[in-house]
Protein backbone atom coordinates (compact mmCIF):
# COMPACT_ATOMS: atom_id res chain seq x y z
CA MET A 1 -0.01 7.30 6.64
CA ASN A 2 0.08 9.41 9.43
CA ARG A 3 -0.96 12.95 8.72
CA ASP A 4 -0.82 15.98 10.74
CA ASN A 5 -3.59 18.38 11.19
CA VAL A 6 -2.58 21.93 10.01
CA VAL A 7 -4.31 25.42 10.15
CA SER A 8 -5.07 26.25 6.45
CA SER A 9 -8.03 27.54 4.63
CA ASN A 10 -7.74 24.76 2.03
CA ILE A 11 -5.46 21.69 3.76
CA ASN A 12 -6.95 19.78 6.38
CA SER A 13 -3.72 17.42 7.09
CA ILE A 14 -0.44 16.69 5.60
CA GLY A 15 1.44 13.26 5.97
CA TYR A 16 4.97 12.25 4.63
CA ASP A 17 6.67 8.71 4.03
CA SER A 18 10.24 9.44 3.90
CA ALA A 19 10.95 5.85 2.73
CA THR A 20 8.71 6.07 -0.34
CA LYS A 21 8.88 10.19 -0.66
CA THR A 22 5.30 10.17 -0.84
CA LEU A 23 3.44 13.21 0.36
CA GLU A 24 0.06 12.92 1.29
CA ILE A 25 -2.67 15.84 1.82
CA GLU A 26 -6.20 15.99 2.90
CA PHE A 27 -8.27 18.95 1.78
CA HIS A 28 -11.14 20.40 3.50
CA SER A 29 -12.99 19.87 0.26
CA GLY A 30 -12.81 16.29 1.10
CA GLY A 31 -10.22 15.06 -1.34
CA THR A 32 -7.15 13.11 -0.15
CA TYR A 33 -4.07 12.89 -2.82
CA GLN A 34 -0.62 11.49 -2.62
CA TYR A 35 2.08 13.16 -4.30
CA TYR A 36 5.21 10.72 -5.64
CA ASP A 37 8.89 11.47 -5.30
CA VAL A 38 8.64 14.44 -3.39
CA PRO A 39 11.86 15.51 -1.56
CA GLU A 40 11.95 15.49 2.56
CA SER A 41 13.12 19.01 1.79
CA GLU A 42 9.66 19.87 0.14
CA TYR A 43 7.81 18.26 2.83
CA ASN A 44 9.81 20.14 5.67
CA GLY A 45 9.13 23.36 3.80
CA LEU A 46 5.62 22.95 3.33
CA MET A 47 5.05 22.24 7.01
CA ALA A 48 7.21 25.36 8.21
CA ALA A 49 5.36 27.53 5.65
CA SER A 50 3.20 30.55 6.99
CA SER A 51 0.67 29.60 4.68
CA HIS A 52 0.45 25.97 3.56
CA GLY A 53 -1.88 26.66 0.96
CA SER A 54 0.23 29.25 -0.82
CA TYR A 55 3.34 26.85 -0.67
CA PHE A 56 1.62 23.84 -2.08
CA HIS A 57 0.46 26.03 -5.04
CA ALA A 58 3.83 27.50 -5.73
CA ASN A 59 5.88 24.52 -5.08
CA ILE A 60 4.03 21.23 -5.09
CA LYS A 61 0.80 21.48 -7.41
CA ASN A 62 1.49 20.31 -11.11
CA ARG A 63 5.02 19.67 -10.31
CA TYR A 64 4.62 16.06 -9.15
CA THR A 65 2.83 12.92 -9.99
CA TYR A 66 -0.15 12.20 -8.02
CA LYS A 67 -3.40 10.29 -7.47
CA LYS A 68 -6.41 10.88 -5.36
CA ILE A 69 -7.05 8.31 -2.79
C-alpha cells in the first residue's frame, strides 16, 4: 500500500485502500499497523486534521480491528 508522509510528532506516514477499507499507519516508533473496516470519511478526516496524532487517538485508536505488520 502506498502511504503519504505527514508532518506529525507521532506518525510518519498514512495510507488507505478504499477497496478494502484498510487504513495503514506507520509510526515514528517504527511500528506499522493496519486498521480494518475504516470508512473513507475517517481517512479523509485524519488527513485533513491539524493534528494527525490527536485525530488518531480520538477517532481511530481502540475503535477498529487492527494488526501490526
